[in-house]
Amino acid sequence: MAQRIRDLIAIPELRSRIIAGHRGLDRTVRWAHAFELQDPGEWFGSGDVLMTTGLGIPRQPAQQREYLARLVECGLAGIMIGENMQAPADMSGLTESGNALGFPVIMTDYEVPFAAVTRAIIDANQQEEYERRTILANVYESARLGMQGLGLPAVLERLAKDIHCSLYLVTCDDHEPWSDALPVLPESLRDALALGRNRSKAQQSIVRRHQSPNGELHSIELSNQQGCLLVIVGEHLPDYALLHHLTVVLALETQRVQADLERHLRLGSELLDDLLQRRLLVEVADARLRDFLPGTSLQNAVISVARLDHDTARRIDATLRKMDIGALVRRQADQILLLHDHSLLDEYAQQLGVALGASGRLETPYRVPEALREAWVAHSHTHRHRPVCSYADLETDTPWVPRTPDEAARAFMHVLGAVHQYDKANNTALIQSLRMLLEENRSWLKAAKRLHVHKQTLVYRIRRVEEISGRSLDCTADVATLWFALQNAWAIEEGQSGGS
C-alpha cells in the first residue's frame, strides 16, 4: 500500500506534526527532497514532499498564499518545515491556504535531519514494492490454478483477495454478470457506471474512473472478450501496471471459459444431429447421452424448439454462456433446438427470452425425429401470453388442430396458400402482418408498432389479404379460420428451412 502523509508523520523517529491542511492527510507520498528557492514547481512533481528550512518561504501572508497555491498546482503531497530554523515567524498566510486547500503543512523537530525523512520514504517504498511483487506472484498463481480447472468464479474470488479489492465481471450493455455464478454488481455501482458512460460519448481510455457514493472505482473492458467489463472497487485501488497484469490473467481465463463453452455446444450439436439422423445404435446413443447429460433420463427428456428474431440471435451466445447448460443445443439458421429434461422447460424459455414448443417425452433415442415434429406443432401454438407449450397439452387444449406436418400444410394452404404464394412472388409480408394483427387482438396501432410501419400501411396490407384469400376480418368465422390457418404455418416454414 502506498505511503501517505498520515503514515509519514506517524513515524516516531521523525518527530513531525501537522499544523494545517488536515484534509490532505491521505495524499500519497512518492518522494521527499530539500529545496530552498521560492519556485519549487520546476523541480518537483506529483506526490513529492518539499522539505525546507523556511528560507524560501515568503515573509508576507499574501505571498505565502501564492507560494502554497503554486505547490498545490504542481501536485505536491505536502510541505515539511524545519522548526526553529529560518521560516518566517508569521506563517498565517501559509496555514490559512493549507487549511482552505487541504494541503498539509508539517513542522519537523530541529534535531531531525532531512535525510532521515528521505530514508523513511525509501524504506516504505521498498516495503510497498515487496508487497506489490507478492501480489503479482499471487495473481499468476491464481492464473495457474484457473488453467488447471479451478473455474472462473473461484479465480475471480482469489484475485479479489490478492489485490484486497472487490472484482466484478459484467457485460458492457446491461452490467449483468458475464457468466453463471459470478457476483452481481450492486445497484449503486451500476448507476455510477451508467453515469460515467452517459457523460463521455467520445473515445475513452482503456481504464475508466467512476465516482460512486462509496468512493472511486475503475472499469476496464477486456480486449479479448468483446462486451466483457471488469469493475474494481476498493479503498486502495491497484495502480495501472498491476491492473494490466490482472486483465491479462482474466483475459486468459475468460478465453478458456469461452473455448470450453464453444466445445460443449459443438459436441452437443453434433450429438443432437446424430440423433436426428438416426446414425447411432440405441446402446451407443444411450451411453453418449448419459456422458453428455449426466442425471438426465430419456424417460423425462424432451425436444424443445424456438425461433430467433434478429435481436435474440445476436445475443444468444452471451445468454447461453450465462446459463448452466444441461442440454444439447443446435442452432439452425433462425432456429434453436434443445434436448433437455422436461423440468427445465420454463427455466430455459425465461433465460433465453423466447417462446418454446416442447415435444412429448422421448423414452428412446429413435423417437428424436418424431419428437422434433411434435415440438414444432407445439411451438405453433405459443404466443405472447403462452410462451411455453408442450405437445401433450394440445391433446386437451386444442384437439382439433393437425398433428402432422402434412396435415398442417394442407390446412394452411387451403386457407392462406394464395396469400403465401403472393408473398413469395412479390417479396411482401402479408402473412406476417396478418399474424401480428391477430396476435394484438386486431389492434391496428399495436400491430403497426410491432411491424415498425404506419397504420395505413398495415390497413393496406390487410385489405390485400382479404382480397386474395376471399375472407374478411369483419366476419368472426373468417377471423377464426384465418387464425387456425396461421397456427399451421410452421409446416410450410419448416419444409422450406429443412427444420423438420
Protein backbone atom coordinates (compact mmCIF):
# COMPACT_ATOMS: atom_id res chain seq x y z
CA MET A 1 0.00 0.00 0.00
CA ALA A 2 1.38 3.43 -0.96
CA GLN A 3 2.64 5.63 1.85
CA ARG A 4 0.54 8.65 2.77
CA ILE A 5 1.17 11.87 4.68
CA ARG A 6 -0.52 10.40 7.76
CA ASP A 7 1.87 7.42 7.62
CA LEU A 8 4.88 9.73 7.35
CA ILE A 9 4.06 11.88 10.38
CA ALA A 10 3.12 8.77 12.38
CA ILE A 11 6.77 7.59 12.34
CA PRO A 12 8.01 8.45 15.88
CA GLU A 13 11.64 8.99 14.85
CA LEU A 14 10.69 11.85 12.52
CA ARG A 15 9.04 13.86 15.32
CA SER A 16 6.77 15.71 12.91
CA ARG A 17 3.34 17.24 13.37
CA ILE A 18 0.80 18.76 11.01
CA ILE A 19 -0.21 22.37 11.63
CA ALA A 20 -2.54 22.93 8.64
CA GLY A 21 -4.27 21.06 5.83
CA HIS A 22 -5.57 18.09 7.81
CA ARG A 23 -7.89 17.20 4.91
CA GLY A 24 -4.83 16.20 2.91
CA LEU A 25 -3.58 13.50 5.27
CA ASP A 26 -4.38 10.79 2.70
CA ARG A 27 -2.24 12.34 -0.03
CA THR A 28 0.17 9.76 -1.43
CA VAL A 29 3.89 10.34 -0.76
CA ARG A 30 6.24 9.35 -3.58
CA TRP A 31 9.48 11.17 -2.62
CA ALA A 32 10.87 13.96 -0.41
CA HIS A 33 13.57 16.45 -1.27
CA ALA A 34 15.07 19.57 0.31
CA PHE A 35 14.71 22.83 -1.64
CA GLU A 36 15.14 26.48 -0.60
CA LEU A 37 14.19 28.55 -3.67
CA GLN A 38 10.85 30.32 -3.96
CA ASP A 39 9.61 28.45 -7.07
CA PRO A 40 9.99 24.71 -6.43
CA GLY A 41 7.36 23.84 -9.06
CA GLU A 42 10.01 23.50 -11.77
CA TRP A 43 11.85 20.84 -9.76
CA PHE A 44 9.10 18.84 -8.06
CA GLY A 45 6.29 16.60 -9.29
CA SER A 46 3.13 14.84 -8.18
CA GLY A 47 3.42 13.06 -4.82
CA ASP A 48 6.66 14.79 -3.77
CA VAL A 49 7.13 16.36 -0.33
CA LEU A 50 9.02 19.66 -0.18
CA MET A 51 11.44 19.82 2.78
CA THR A 52 12.70 23.30 3.67
CA THR A 53 14.39 25.21 6.47
CA GLY A 54 11.96 28.00 5.63
CA LEU A 55 14.48 30.10 3.73
CA GLY A 56 12.36 30.07 0.52
CA ILE A 57 9.04 30.83 2.22
CA PRO A 58 7.92 34.43 1.54
CA ARG A 59 7.59 36.78 4.52
CA GLN A 60 4.27 38.37 3.60
CA PRO A 61 0.98 36.40 4.12
CA ALA A 62 -0.32 37.30 0.65
CA GLN A 63 2.86 35.99 -0.96
CA GLN A 64 2.73 32.89 1.23
CA ARG A 65 -0.73 32.13 -0.16
CA GLU A 66 0.56 32.46 -3.73
CA TYR A 67 3.57 30.29 -2.85
CA LEU A 68 1.41 27.50 -1.45
CA ALA A 69 -1.02 27.71 -4.40
CA ARG A 70 1.92 27.01 -6.73
CA LEU A 71 2.80 23.92 -4.67
CA VAL A 72 -0.77 22.65 -4.92
CA GLU A 73 -0.84 23.32 -8.65
CA CYS A 74 2.28 21.17 -9.13
CA GLY A 75 0.64 18.24 -7.35
CA LEU A 76 2.97 18.15 -4.32
CA ALA A 77 1.89 15.96 -1.42
CA GLY A 78 2.83 18.50 1.27
CA ILE A 79 5.49 20.83 2.71
CA MET A 80 7.71 19.91 5.66
CA ILE A 81 9.34 22.84 7.52
CA GLY A 82 12.26 22.56 9.92
CA GLU A 83 11.18 24.01 13.26
CA ASN A 84 13.16 26.87 14.84
CA MET A 85 15.19 27.39 11.68
CA GLN A 86 14.71 30.11 9.02
CA ALA A 87 10.95 30.10 8.45
CA PRO A 88 9.07 33.40 8.97
CA ALA A 89 7.68 33.96 12.43
CA ASP A 90 4.29 34.75 10.89
CA MET A 91 3.12 31.89 8.64
CA SER A 92 -0.59 32.74 8.84
CA GLY A 93 -0.92 33.00 5.04
CA LEU A 94 0.64 29.56 4.64
CA THR A 95 -1.57 27.87 7.24
CA GLU A 96 -4.75 29.62 6.07
CA SER A 97 -4.21 28.43 2.49
CA GLY A 98 -3.21 24.97 3.69
CA ASN A 99 -6.49 24.60 5.55
CA ALA A 100 -8.52 26.04 2.68
CA LEU A 101 -6.92 23.83 0.01
CA GLY A 102 -6.42 20.70 2.12
CA PHE A 103 -2.65 20.89 1.61
CA PRO A 104 -0.60 19.52 4.56
CA VAL A 105 1.83 21.90 6.26
CA ILE A 106 4.15 19.92 8.57
CA MET A 107 6.60 21.02 11.23
CA THR A 108 9.64 18.79 11.98
CA ASP A 109 11.95 18.99 15.01
CA TYR A 110 15.23 20.84 14.52
CA GLU A 111 17.21 17.75 15.53
CA VAL A 112 15.72 15.55 12.77
CA PRO A 113 17.86 15.60 9.60
CA PHE A 114 16.00 15.78 6.33
CA ALA A 115 17.95 12.71 5.19
CA ALA A 116 16.08 10.68 7.82
CA VAL A 117 12.77 11.63 6.19
CA THR A 118 14.04 10.54 2.78
CA ARG A 119 15.29 7.23 4.19
CA ALA A 120 11.90 6.60 5.81
CA ILE A 121 10.19 7.10 2.45
CA ILE A 122 12.69 4.80 0.72
CA ASP A 123 12.10 2.09 3.33
CA ALA A 124 8.34 2.45 2.89
CA ASN A 125 8.68 2.25 -0.91
CA GLN A 126 10.79 -0.89 -0.60
CA GLN A 127 8.11 -2.47 1.58
CA GLU A 128 5.48 -1.39 -0.92
CA GLU A 129 7.47 -2.94 -3.78
CA TYR A 130 7.82 -6.18 -1.80
CA GLU A 131 4.06 -6.26 -1.21
CA ARG A 132 3.47 -5.50 -4.88
CA ARG A 133 5.67 -8.38 -6.01
CA THR A 134 3.89 -10.69 -3.59
CA ILE A 135 0.55 -9.62 -5.06
CA LEU A 136 1.82 -10.27 -8.60
CA ALA A 137 3.01 -13.73 -7.60
CA ASN A 138 -0.40 -14.46 -6.11
CA VAL A 139 -2.17 -13.15 -9.23
CA TYR A 140 -0.27 -15.52 -11.52
CA GLU A 141 -0.71 -18.40 -9.08
CA SER A 142 -4.45 -17.81 -9.45
CA ALA A 143 -3.97 -17.91 -13.22
CA ARG A 144 -2.18 -21.27 -12.93
CA LEU A 145 -4.99 -22.69 -10.81
CA GLY A 146 -7.50 -21.41 -13.34
CA MET A 147 -5.75 -23.29 -16.14
CA GLN A 148 -5.98 -26.44 -14.00
CA GLY A 149 -9.76 -26.11 -13.84
CA LEU A 150 -10.41 -24.02 -10.71
CA GLY A 151 -13.21 -22.19 -12.52
CA LEU A 152 -13.82 -18.53 -13.30
CA PRO A 153 -15.87 -17.67 -10.16
CA ALA A 154 -13.16 -19.13 -7.87
CA VAL A 155 -10.36 -17.42 -9.84
CA LEU A 156 -12.14 -14.06 -9.59
CA GLU A 157 -12.60 -14.55 -5.84
CA ARG A 158 -8.88 -15.39 -5.38
CA LEU A 159 -7.80 -12.35 -7.42
CA ALA A 160 -10.04 -10.10 -5.32
CA LYS A 161 -8.29 -11.35 -2.17
CA ASP A 162 -4.89 -10.93 -3.81
CA ILE A 163 -5.38 -7.21 -4.51
CA HIS A 164 -7.67 -6.51 -1.50
CA CYS A 165 -10.50 -5.21 -3.70
CA SER A 166 -13.89 -6.39 -4.89
CA LEU A 167 -13.96 -7.58 -8.51
CA TYR A 168 -16.93 -7.94 -10.84
CA LEU A 169 -17.04 -9.30 -14.40
CA VAL A 170 -20.14 -7.94 -16.14
CA THR A 171 -21.46 -7.33 -19.64
CA CYS A 172 -20.93 -3.84 -21.06
CA ASP A 173 -24.55 -3.45 -22.19
CA ASP A 174 -26.61 -4.21 -19.09
CA HIS A 175 -23.92 -4.80 -16.40
CA GLU A 176 -25.28 -8.27 -15.64
CA PRO A 177 -22.78 -11.00 -14.58
CA TRP A 178 -20.74 -12.11 -17.60
CA SER A 179 -21.31 -15.79 -16.85
CA ASP A 180 -23.17 -18.01 -14.42
CA ALA A 181 -22.22 -17.95 -10.69
CA LEU A 182 -20.30 -14.64 -10.90
CA PRO A 183 -21.17 -11.97 -8.31
CA VAL A 184 -23.89 -9.46 -9.15
CA LEU A 185 -22.86 -5.81 -9.41
CA PRO A 186 -24.60 -3.71 -6.68
CA GLU A 187 -27.17 -1.22 -7.92
CA SER A 188 -25.20 1.82 -6.73
CA LEU A 189 -22.19 0.74 -8.79
CA ARG A 190 -24.39 0.17 -11.85
CA ASP A 191 -25.61 3.73 -11.55
CA ALA A 192 -22.04 5.02 -11.33
CA LEU A 193 -21.02 3.08 -14.47
CA ALA A 194 -24.09 4.25 -16.40
CA LEU A 195 -23.48 7.87 -15.38
CA GLY A 196 -19.85 7.71 -16.48
CA ARG A 197 -20.85 6.27 -19.86
CA ASN A 198 -23.53 8.90 -20.45
CA ARG A 199 -21.24 11.79 -19.64
CA SER A 200 -18.50 10.74 -22.02
CA LYS A 201 -19.58 9.99 -25.58
CA ALA A 202 -16.10 10.28 -27.09
CA GLN A 203 -13.41 7.62 -27.31
CA GLN A 204 -12.17 6.78 -23.82
CA SER A 205 -9.04 5.23 -22.40
CA ILE A 206 -8.89 1.54 -21.51
CA VAL A 207 -9.14 2.26 -17.77
CA ARG A 208 -12.14 4.41 -16.82
CA ARG A 209 -12.59 6.08 -13.46
CA HIS A 210 -16.06 6.47 -11.92
CA GLN A 211 -17.39 8.06 -8.75
CA SER A 212 -19.93 6.21 -6.60
CA PRO A 213 -21.44 7.08 -3.20
CA ASN A 214 -18.83 4.80 -1.61
CA GLY A 215 -15.82 6.27 -3.43
CA GLU A 216 -13.92 5.79 -6.67
CA LEU A 217 -14.00 2.67 -8.83
CA HIS A 218 -12.29 1.58 -12.04
CA SER A 219 -13.70 -0.26 -15.05
CA ILE A 220 -11.72 -1.95 -17.82
CA GLU A 221 -13.06 -3.72 -20.89
CA LEU A 222 -11.21 -6.98 -21.55
CA SER A 223 -9.67 -6.70 -25.01
CA ASN A 224 -10.10 -10.37 -25.95
CA GLN A 225 -13.77 -10.58 -24.93
CA GLN A 226 -15.98 -8.04 -26.64
CA GLY A 227 -18.58 -6.77 -24.20
CA CYS A 228 -16.87 -8.07 -21.02
CA LEU A 229 -16.22 -5.39 -18.41
CA LEU A 230 -14.03 -5.74 -15.30
CA VAL A 231 -15.08 -3.49 -12.39
CA ILE A 232 -12.66 -2.91 -9.47
CA VAL A 233 -13.93 -1.48 -6.18
CA GLY A 234 -11.89 -0.89 -3.03
CA GLU A 235 -10.42 1.56 -0.58
CA HIS A 236 -6.99 1.36 -2.22
CA LEU A 237 -7.31 0.66 -5.92
CA PRO A 238 -4.32 -1.01 -7.64
CA ASP A 239 -2.08 1.02 -9.93
CA TYR A 240 -2.36 0.78 -13.72
CA ALA A 241 0.60 -1.60 -14.04
CA LEU A 242 -0.98 -4.09 -11.63
CA LEU A 243 -4.31 -3.69 -13.41
CA HIS A 244 -2.58 -4.69 -16.64
CA HIS A 245 -1.44 -7.99 -15.09
CA LEU A 246 -4.93 -8.50 -13.66
CA THR A 247 -6.62 -8.05 -17.04
CA VAL A 248 -4.12 -10.41 -18.69
CA VAL A 249 -4.98 -13.18 -16.23
CA LEU A 250 -8.73 -12.63 -16.55
CA ALA A 251 -8.49 -12.42 -20.33
CA LEU A 252 -6.86 -15.86 -20.37
CA GLU A 253 -9.48 -17.29 -18.02
CA THR A 254 -12.48 -15.84 -19.89
CA GLN A 255 -11.00 -17.09 -23.16
CA ARG A 256 -10.73 -20.58 -21.64
CA VAL A 257 -14.36 -20.38 -20.47
CA GLN A 258 -15.44 -19.29 -23.95
CA ALA A 259 -13.48 -22.13 -25.58
CA ASP A 260 -15.00 -24.69 -23.18
CA LEU A 261 -18.49 -23.38 -23.92
CA GLU A 262 -17.97 -23.49 -27.68
CA ARG A 263 -16.61 -27.04 -27.43
CA HIS A 264 -19.57 -28.09 -25.26
CA LEU A 265 -22.06 -26.58 -27.70
CA ARG A 266 -20.31 -28.06 -30.73
CA LEU A 267 -20.24 -31.59 -29.30
CA GLY A 268 -23.84 -31.28 -28.15
CA SER A 269 -24.92 -30.04 -31.58
CA GLU A 270 -23.13 -32.96 -33.28
CA LEU A 271 -24.74 -35.49 -30.94
CA LEU A 272 -28.20 -33.98 -31.48
CA ASP A 273 -27.67 -34.11 -35.25
CA ASP A 274 -26.66 -37.79 -34.99
CA LEU A 275 -29.88 -38.48 -33.07
CA LEU A 276 -32.00 -36.60 -35.60
CA GLN A 277 -30.45 -38.55 -38.47
CA ARG A 278 -30.63 -41.85 -36.51
CA ARG A 279 -26.95 -42.58 -37.10
CA LEU A 280 -26.42 -44.22 -33.68
CA LEU A 281 -27.39 -47.57 -32.27
CA VAL A 282 -29.69 -47.37 -29.25
CA GLU A 283 -26.98 -48.57 -26.86
CA VAL A 284 -24.43 -46.07 -28.21
CA ALA A 285 -26.94 -43.20 -28.13
CA ASP A 286 -27.90 -44.00 -24.53
CA ALA A 287 -24.25 -44.09 -23.45
CA ARG A 288 -23.35 -40.81 -25.16
CA LEU A 289 -26.38 -39.05 -23.71
CA ARG A 290 -25.53 -40.26 -20.20
CA ASP A 291 -21.95 -38.99 -20.62
CA PHE A 292 -23.03 -35.63 -22.01
CA LEU A 293 -26.05 -35.02 -19.76
CA PRO A 294 -25.45 -36.92 -16.52
CA GLY A 295 -28.59 -37.15 -14.46
CA THR A 296 -30.91 -36.63 -17.45
CA SER A 297 -33.13 -39.62 -18.19
CA LEU A 298 -34.68 -40.21 -21.60
CA GLN A 299 -37.89 -41.01 -19.74
CA ASN A 300 -38.12 -37.31 -18.84
CA ALA A 301 -36.20 -35.74 -21.74
CA VAL A 302 -37.91 -33.65 -24.43
CA ILE A 303 -37.01 -31.78 -27.59
CA SER A 304 -37.83 -28.08 -27.47
CA VAL A 305 -37.62 -25.56 -30.31
CA ALA A 306 -37.75 -21.80 -30.77
CA ARG A 307 -37.45 -19.21 -33.50
CA LEU A 308 -34.88 -16.45 -33.09
CA ASP A 309 -35.53 -12.92 -34.25
CA HIS A 310 -32.60 -10.70 -35.17
CA ASP A 311 -32.05 -9.29 -31.68
CA THR A 312 -32.34 -12.68 -29.96
CA ALA A 313 -29.97 -14.35 -32.43
CA ARG A 314 -27.41 -11.59 -31.82
CA ARG A 315 -27.36 -12.07 -28.04
CA ILE A 316 -27.96 -15.83 -27.88
CA ASP A 317 -24.28 -16.78 -27.40
CA ALA A 318 -23.93 -14.45 -24.42
CA THR A 319 -27.18 -15.84 -23.00
CA LEU A 320 -26.01 -19.44 -23.36
CA ARG A 321 -22.74 -18.56 -21.62
CA LYS A 322 -24.63 -17.33 -18.55
CA MET A 323 -26.77 -20.46 -18.35
CA ASP A 324 -25.88 -23.68 -16.62
CA ILE A 325 -26.36 -25.68 -19.80
CA GLY A 326 -27.79 -29.12 -19.09
CA ALA A 327 -28.94 -29.60 -22.67
CA LEU A 328 -27.88 -30.50 -26.18
CA VAL A 329 -28.12 -27.30 -28.22
CA ARG A 330 -28.22 -26.95 -32.00
CA ARG A 331 -28.50 -23.72 -33.99
CA GLN A 332 -30.06 -23.89 -37.48
CA ALA A 333 -30.36 -20.51 -39.22
CA ASP A 334 -33.02 -18.64 -37.21
CA GLN A 335 -33.93 -21.67 -35.09
CA ILE A 336 -32.59 -23.23 -31.92
CA LEU A 337 -33.19 -26.86 -30.93
CA LEU A 338 -32.61 -28.27 -27.46
CA LEU A 339 -32.73 -31.72 -25.87
CA HIS A 340 -33.11 -31.48 -22.09
CA ASP A 341 -35.01 -32.64 -19.04
CA HIS A 342 -38.67 -31.62 -19.17
CA SER A 343 -38.39 -29.85 -15.80
CA LEU A 344 -36.07 -27.23 -17.34
CA LEU A 345 -38.56 -26.09 -19.99
CA ASP A 346 -39.90 -22.99 -18.22
CA GLU A 347 -36.43 -22.01 -16.99
CA TYR A 348 -34.91 -22.19 -20.49
CA ALA A 349 -37.77 -20.20 -22.01
CA GLN A 350 -37.24 -17.45 -19.43
CA GLN A 351 -33.45 -17.38 -19.67
CA LEU A 352 -33.35 -17.46 -23.47
CA GLY A 353 -36.19 -14.96 -23.73
CA VAL A 354 -38.00 -16.99 -26.43
CA ALA A 355 -41.23 -18.95 -26.86
CA LEU A 356 -40.52 -22.67 -26.60
CA GLY A 357 -42.52 -25.54 -28.03
CA ALA A 358 -41.75 -28.93 -26.47
CA SER A 359 -42.32 -32.50 -27.60
CA GLY A 360 -43.66 -35.39 -25.61
CA ARG A 361 -41.19 -37.42 -23.54
CA LEU A 362 -38.54 -39.14 -25.67
CA GLU A 363 -38.25 -42.51 -23.89
CA THR A 364 -35.98 -43.82 -26.70
CA PRO A 365 -33.30 -42.13 -28.89
CA TYR A 366 -35.09 -43.32 -32.05
CA ARG A 367 -38.04 -41.04 -31.25
CA VAL A 368 -35.96 -37.83 -31.62
CA PRO A 369 -37.03 -37.05 -35.25
CA GLU A 370 -40.70 -37.58 -34.38
CA ALA A 371 -40.25 -35.53 -31.20
CA LEU A 372 -38.85 -32.65 -33.27
CA ARG A 373 -42.04 -32.55 -35.35
CA GLU A 374 -44.10 -32.61 -32.15
CA ALA A 375 -42.09 -29.69 -30.79
CA TRP A 376 -42.82 -27.59 -33.89
CA VAL A 377 -46.52 -28.41 -33.63
CA ALA A 378 -46.44 -27.22 -30.01
CA HIS A 379 -44.43 -24.14 -30.95
CA SER A 380 -47.08 -23.11 -33.48
CA HIS A 381 -49.47 -22.66 -30.54
CA THR A 382 -47.22 -20.40 -28.46
CA HIS A 383 -47.97 -16.70 -28.30
CA ARG A 384 -47.24 -13.67 -26.13
CA HIS A 385 -49.48 -14.89 -23.32
CA ARG A 386 -48.38 -18.51 -23.68
CA PRO A 387 -44.59 -18.56 -24.09
CA VAL A 388 -44.28 -22.30 -23.35
CA CYS A 389 -46.38 -25.05 -24.90
CA SER A 390 -45.94 -28.82 -24.61
CA TYR A 391 -47.22 -31.24 -27.22
CA ALA A 392 -49.02 -33.22 -24.53
CA ASP A 393 -51.08 -30.12 -23.65
CA LEU A 394 -52.53 -30.00 -27.16
CA GLU A 395 -54.41 -33.26 -26.65
CA THR A 396 -56.77 -31.48 -24.25
CA ASP A 397 -56.30 -27.78 -25.18
CA THR A 398 -56.68 -27.98 -28.98
CA PRO A 399 -57.86 -31.42 -30.05
CA TRP A 400 -58.98 -30.09 -33.46
CA VAL A 401 -55.51 -28.99 -34.74
CA PRO A 402 -53.46 -31.09 -37.20
CA ARG A 403 -50.85 -33.37 -35.64
CA THR A 404 -48.53 -33.97 -38.62
CA PRO A 405 -46.65 -31.62 -40.98
CA ASP A 406 -48.66 -32.84 -43.99
CA GLU A 407 -51.99 -32.20 -42.29
CA ALA A 408 -50.84 -28.77 -41.11
CA ALA A 409 -49.53 -27.81 -44.57
CA ARG A 410 -52.80 -28.78 -46.24
CA ALA A 411 -54.83 -26.78 -43.73
CA PHE A 412 -52.63 -23.70 -44.17
CA MET A 413 -52.53 -23.86 -47.97
CA HIS A 414 -56.30 -24.34 -48.21
CA VAL A 415 -56.95 -21.03 -46.43
CA LEU A 416 -53.83 -18.88 -46.99
CA GLY A 417 -51.99 -20.63 -49.80
CA ALA A 418 -52.72 -17.87 -52.33
CA VAL A 419 -51.50 -15.18 -49.92
CA HIS A 420 -48.36 -17.21 -49.20
CA GLN A 421 -47.61 -17.52 -52.92
CA TYR A 422 -48.20 -13.77 -53.36
CA ASP A 423 -45.65 -13.04 -50.59
CA LYS A 424 -43.08 -15.28 -52.25
CA ALA A 425 -43.60 -13.79 -55.71
CA ASN A 426 -43.60 -10.14 -54.62
CA ASN A 427 -41.32 -10.27 -51.54
CA THR A 428 -44.09 -8.85 -49.34
CA ALA A 429 -45.05 -9.54 -45.71
CA LEU A 430 -48.82 -10.05 -45.84
CA ILE A 431 -48.77 -13.27 -43.78
CA GLN A 432 -46.58 -11.66 -41.11
CA SER A 433 -48.81 -8.57 -41.00
CA LEU A 434 -51.94 -10.70 -40.57
CA ARG A 435 -50.28 -12.69 -37.77
CA MET A 436 -49.27 -9.52 -35.88
CA LEU A 437 -52.73 -8.00 -36.19
CA LEU A 438 -54.46 -11.10 -34.85
CA GLU A 439 -51.88 -11.56 -32.07
CA GLU A 440 -52.67 -8.00 -30.98
CA ASN A 441 -56.41 -8.76 -30.96
CA ARG A 442 -56.94 -6.67 -34.13
CA SER A 443 -55.44 -3.52 -32.59
CA TRP A 444 -54.15 -1.62 -35.63
CA LEU A 445 -51.90 0.69 -33.63
CA LYS A 446 -50.21 -2.06 -31.58
CA ALA A 447 -49.68 -4.28 -34.62
CA ALA A 448 -48.29 -1.39 -36.70
CA LYS A 449 -45.89 -0.55 -33.89
CA ARG A 450 -44.60 -4.14 -33.74
CA LEU A 451 -44.17 -4.17 -37.52
CA HIS A 452 -42.50 -0.71 -37.50
CA VAL A 453 -44.89 0.57 -40.19
CA HIS A 454 -47.55 3.27 -40.41
CA LYS A 455 -51.09 2.27 -39.53
CA GLN A 456 -52.30 3.00 -43.07
CA THR A 457 -49.61 0.70 -44.47
CA LEU A 458 -50.93 -2.10 -42.27
CA VAL A 459 -54.52 -1.35 -43.33
CA TYR A 460 -53.49 -1.63 -46.99
CA ARG A 461 -51.74 -4.97 -46.37
CA ILE A 462 -54.73 -6.49 -44.59
CA ARG A 463 -57.06 -5.35 -47.40
CA ARG A 464 -54.81 -7.22 -49.83
CA VAL A 465 -55.01 -10.33 -47.60
CA GLU A 466 -58.81 -10.11 -47.68
CA GLU A 467 -58.87 -9.66 -51.45
CA ILE A 468 -56.51 -12.57 -52.15
CA SER A 469 -57.91 -15.02 -49.56
CA GLY A 470 -61.57 -14.12 -50.05
CA ARG A 471 -62.07 -13.81 -46.30
CA SER A 472 -62.93 -10.75 -44.21
CA LEU A 473 -61.77 -9.68 -40.77
CA ASP A 474 -65.26 -8.26 -40.20
CA CYS A 475 -66.57 -11.83 -40.07
CA THR A 476 -65.95 -13.77 -36.85
CA ALA A 477 -65.97 -17.12 -38.69
CA ASP A 478 -63.37 -15.88 -41.17
CA VAL A 479 -61.18 -14.48 -38.37
CA ALA A 480 -61.25 -17.86 -36.62
CA THR A 481 -60.42 -19.68 -39.87
CA LEU A 482 -57.51 -17.34 -40.63
CA TRP A 483 -56.15 -17.74 -37.09
CA PHE A 484 -56.27 -21.53 -37.21
CA ALA A 485 -54.57 -21.43 -40.62
CA LEU A 486 -51.79 -19.26 -39.25
CA GLN A 487 -51.29 -21.78 -36.44
CA ASN A 488 -50.33 -24.32 -39.11
CA ALA A 489 -47.86 -22.06 -40.96
CA TRP A 490 -44.99 -23.81 -39.17
CA ALA A 491 -45.31 -26.80 -41.51
CA ILE A 492 -44.65 -24.64 -44.60
CA GLU A 493 -41.82 -22.77 -42.91
CA GLU A 494 -40.18 -25.97 -41.71
CA GLY A 495 -40.41 -27.51 -45.15
CA GLN A 496 -38.57 -24.53 -46.64
CA SER A 497 -35.85 -24.41 -43.96
CA GLY A 498 -35.34 -28.13 -43.63
CA GLY A 499 -36.03 -27.96 -39.89
CA SER A 500 -38.50 -30.82 -39.93
